[in-house]
């Protein structure tokens, strides 16, 4: 992602974004043009969304692909590859959602730098931003170059709040606890070329 030099207000960003055919993300006054994705990136997102669709099809929750924005206050507007919201307040705006419970990103070289697939201690900007969303229960990172899915889960107990990380690999069943969905990692990677 490449930052467009300027200090935009959230209102200016939304006005520009509504009329633009190229997607941009917004973070604290900076606007970033979104890079195009690969065929494997697209396939991973579609496979995940298909599993979510079959699981949630008739419930109260809604799921979205990378065409709908997630927002927190005046801090950021991001386009996650997939996310789920079950909050009725998110039905009032067709373009921006503010109460997701699950966010998933397919990692690409630019996303790896921005999101980081490293250990929990190595948090980066996007994860730190998403943590501001009180509704967020689970943040999922899906690698393109290997069968690897990292689920970061918000845990609330008597001592406060923390995030736990579970990493899934080849042969595993991925558990998306926030929406009570189990899916074989092989299904998520169906049709993806890992040899590239």
Protein backbone atom coordinates (compact mmCIF):
# COMPACT_ATOMS: atom_id res chain seq x y z
CA UNK A 1 0.00 0.00 0.00
CA UNK A 2 1.24 3.48 -0.87
CA UNK A 3 0.30 6.53 1.20
CA UNK A 4 -1.12 9.50 -0.65
CA UNK A 5 0.57 12.54 0.90
CA UNK A 6 -2.01 14.74 2.60
CA UNK A 7 -3.94 15.16 5.80
CA UNK A 8 -7.51 14.09 5.06
CA UNK A 9 -10.40 14.33 7.47
CA UNK A 10 -12.61 11.24 7.72
CA UNK A 11 -15.37 13.17 5.92
CA UNK A 12 -13.04 14.13 3.04
CA UNK A 13 -11.84 10.55 2.76
CA UNK A 14 -15.40 9.16 2.62
CA UNK A 15 -16.39 11.73 0.00
CA UNK A 16 -13.41 10.88 -2.21
CA UNK A 17 -13.78 7.13 -1.65
CA UNK A 18 -17.48 7.12 -2.54
CA UNK A 19 -16.71 8.56 -5.98
CA UNK A 20 -13.52 6.58 -6.68
CA UNK A 21 -13.21 3.26 -8.52
CA UNK A 22 -9.90 2.47 -6.80
CA UNK A 23 -10.20 1.46 -3.15
CA UNK A 24 -8.27 3.34 -0.48
CA UNK A 25 -7.86 2.79 3.23
CA UNK A 26 -7.68 5.60 5.77
CA UNK A 27 -5.60 5.78 8.94
CA UNK A 28 -5.31 8.93 11.05
CA UNK A 29 -5.35 11.42 8.18
CA UNK A 30 -3.37 9.34 5.69
CA UNK A 31 -4.99 7.63 2.71
CA UNK A 32 -3.47 4.46 1.24
CA UNK A 33 -4.18 3.11 -2.24
CA UNK A 34 -4.99 -0.61 -2.12
CA UNK A 35 -2.77 -2.89 -4.17
CA UNK A 36 -4.34 -5.54 -6.37
CA UNK A 37 -4.42 -9.10 -5.07
CA UNK A 38 -3.14 -12.35 -6.54
CA UNK A 39 -5.21 -15.30 -7.72
CA UNK A 40 -4.30 -17.22 -4.54
CA UNK A 41 -5.31 -14.23 -2.40
CA UNK A 42 -8.69 -14.15 -4.11
CA UNK A 43 -9.17 -17.92 -3.86
CA UNK A 44 -8.38 -17.97 -0.11
CA UNK A 45 -10.85 -15.15 0.55
CA UNK A 46 -13.55 -16.84 -1.55
CA UNK A 47 -13.00 -20.21 0.19
CA UNK A 48 -13.32 -18.56 3.60
CA UNK A 49 -16.40 -16.58 2.61
CA UNK A 50 -18.00 -19.73 1.16
CA UNK A 51 -17.52 -21.57 4.45
CA UNK A 52 -18.94 -18.60 6.37
CA UNK A 53 -21.89 -18.36 3.96
CA UNK A 54 -22.90 -21.99 4.42
CA UNK A 55 -22.52 -21.66 8.18
CA UNK A 56 -24.38 -18.35 8.70
CA UNK A 57 -26.79 -18.33 5.79
CA UNK A 58 -30.07 -17.89 7.68
CA UNK A 59 -28.97 -16.24 10.92
CA UNK A 60 -28.91 -12.66 12.12
CA UNK A 61 -25.22 -12.18 11.32
CA UNK A 62 -23.97 -10.58 8.12
CA UNK A 63 -20.65 -11.28 6.42
CA UNK A 64 -18.77 -9.14 3.94
CA UNK A 65 -15.86 -9.33 1.54
CA UNK A 66 -13.23 -6.69 0.86
CA UNK A 67 -15.75 -4.25 -0.63
CA UNK A 68 -17.21 -2.92 2.63
CA UNK A 69 -15.27 -0.79 5.10
CA UNK A 70 -14.71 -1.34 8.84
CA UNK A 71 -14.42 1.87 10.84
CA UNK A 72 -13.48 3.01 14.34
CA UNK A 73 -14.25 6.65 15.25
CA UNK A 74 -12.00 9.02 13.29
CA UNK A 75 -9.07 6.60 13.52
CA UNK A 76 -9.38 4.28 10.52
CA UNK A 77 -11.42 2.91 7.64
CA UNK A 78 -10.11 -0.49 6.44
CA UNK A 79 -11.28 -3.04 3.86
CA UNK A 80 -10.72 -6.46 5.48
CA UNK A 81 -10.74 -9.45 3.15
CA UNK A 82 -13.65 -10.89 5.15
CA UNK A 83 -15.54 -9.97 8.28
CA UNK A 84 -18.69 -10.84 10.20
CA UNK A 85 -20.97 -8.56 12.19
CA UNK A 86 -23.98 -9.64 14.22
CA UNK A 87 -24.78 -6.21 15.62
CA UNK A 88 -28.08 -4.71 14.40
CA UNK A 89 -26.51 -1.22 14.43
CA UNK A 90 -24.43 -2.29 11.43
CA UNK A 91 -27.56 -2.56 9.28
CA UNK A 92 -28.00 1.22 9.11
CA UNK A 93 -25.02 1.98 6.80
CA UNK A 94 -24.51 0.01 3.59
CA UNK A 95 -20.88 1.07 3.10
CA UNK A 96 -19.34 1.20 6.59
CA UNK A 97 -19.60 -1.28 9.49
CA UNK A 98 -18.48 -0.48 13.02
CA UNK A 99 -19.19 -3.58 15.13
CA UNK A 100 -17.50 -6.64 13.59
CA UNK A 101 -16.96 -9.71 15.74
CA UNK A 102 -14.63 -11.49 13.28
CA UNK A 103 -12.10 -9.94 10.89
CA UNK A 104 -9.95 -12.01 8.50
CA UNK A 105 -7.04 -10.89 6.35
CA UNK A 106 -5.26 -12.89 3.65
CA UNK A 107 -1.61 -11.97 3.97
CA UNK A 108 0.24 -10.60 0.98
CA UNK A 109 3.76 -9.13 0.96
CA UNK A 110 2.41 -5.63 1.69
CA UNK A 111 -0.09 -6.94 4.26
CA UNK A 112 2.65 -8.92 6.04
CA UNK A 113 4.53 -5.71 6.68
CA UNK A 114 1.41 -3.81 7.77
CA UNK A 115 -0.28 -6.59 9.76
CA UNK A 116 2.63 -8.92 10.61
CA UNK A 117 2.15 -12.62 11.05
CA UNK A 118 4.72 -12.78 13.84
CA UNK A 119 4.13 -13.73 17.44
CA UNK A 120 1.61 -11.96 19.66
CA UNK A 121 4.33 -9.69 21.12
CA UNK A 122 5.10 -8.32 17.65
CA UNK A 123 1.87 -6.38 17.21
CA UNK A 124 1.68 -3.90 14.35
CA UNK A 125 -0.49 -0.97 13.37
CA UNK A 126 -3.47 -2.78 11.86
CA UNK A 127 -3.87 -5.25 14.72
CA UNK A 128 -3.46 -2.45 17.25
CA UNK A 129 -6.16 -0.50 15.42
CA UNK A 130 -8.56 -3.43 15.23
CA UNK A 131 -8.13 -4.05 18.97
CA UNK A 132 -9.90 -0.71 19.54
CA UNK A 133 -13.13 -2.31 18.30
CA UNK A 134 -14.82 -3.54 21.48
CA UNK A 135 -17.04 -5.87 19.43
CA UNK A 136 -14.06 -7.70 17.90
CA UNK A 137 -13.65 -11.20 19.29
CA UNK A 138 -11.34 -12.76 16.72
CA UNK A 139 -8.73 -11.62 14.20
CA UNK A 140 -7.66 -14.19 11.61
CA UNK A 141 -4.52 -14.05 9.44
CA UNK A 142 -4.28 -16.45 6.48
CA UNK A 143 -0.90 -17.01 4.79
CA UNK A 144 -0.67 -17.38 1.01
CA UNK A 145 2.69 -19.14 0.77
CA UNK A 146 2.07 -21.95 3.28
CA UNK A 147 -0.86 -23.64 5.02
CA UNK A 148 -0.89 -21.40 8.06
CA UNK A 149 -3.84 -19.72 9.75
CA UNK A 150 -3.34 -17.59 12.86
CA UNK A 151 -6.35 -16.83 15.04
CA UNK A 152 -5.98 -14.09 17.62
CA UNK A 153 -8.81 -14.23 20.15
CA UNK A 154 -9.90 -11.71 22.75
CA UNK A 155 -10.16 -13.34 26.17
CA UNK A 156 -11.99 -11.59 29.01
CA UNK A 157 -11.76 -13.00 32.49
CA UNK A 158 -11.53 -11.88 36.11
CA UNK A 159 -8.05 -10.44 35.57
CA UNK A 160 -9.04 -8.25 32.64
CA UNK A 161 -8.59 -8.67 28.92
CA UNK A 162 -5.86 -10.22 26.80
CA UNK A 163 -5.38 -11.72 23.34
CA UNK A 164 -4.46 -15.37 22.81
CA UNK A 165 -3.06 -16.75 19.58
CA UNK A 166 -3.67 -20.19 18.07
CA UNK A 167 -1.82 -21.22 14.90
CA UNK A 168 -3.18 -23.91 12.58
CA UNK A 169 -1.19 -25.81 9.95
CA UNK A 170 -1.52 -28.61 7.40
CA UNK A 171 -4.00 -31.28 8.49
CA UNK A 172 -5.65 -29.10 11.15
CA UNK A 173 -9.27 -28.11 11.61
CA UNK A 174 -9.48 -24.32 11.96
CA UNK A 175 -11.86 -23.20 14.70
CA UNK A 176 -13.37 -19.74 14.32
CA UNK A 177 -14.70 -19.45 17.85
CA UNK A 178 -16.41 -16.09 17.38
CA UNK A 179 -18.90 -17.61 14.95
CA UNK A 180 -18.65 -21.24 16.09
CA UNK A 181 -17.36 -22.48 12.73
CA UNK A 182 -14.98 -25.38 12.14
CA UNK A 183 -13.38 -25.73 8.72
CA UNK A 184 -10.60 -28.00 7.52
CA UNK A 185 -7.52 -25.98 6.59
CA UNK A 186 -7.38 -28.08 3.40
CA UNK A 187 -10.77 -26.62 2.42
CA UNK A 188 -9.52 -23.07 2.95
CA UNK A 189 -6.53 -23.83 0.70
CA UNK A 190 -8.48 -25.75 -1.97
CA UNK A 191 -7.30 -24.57 -5.41
CA UNK A 192 -4.39 -22.54 -3.98
CA UNK A 193 -0.91 -23.11 -5.40
CA UNK A 194 1.60 -23.21 -2.56
CA UNK A 195 4.56 -23.99 -4.82
CA UNK A 196 4.99 -20.47 -6.21
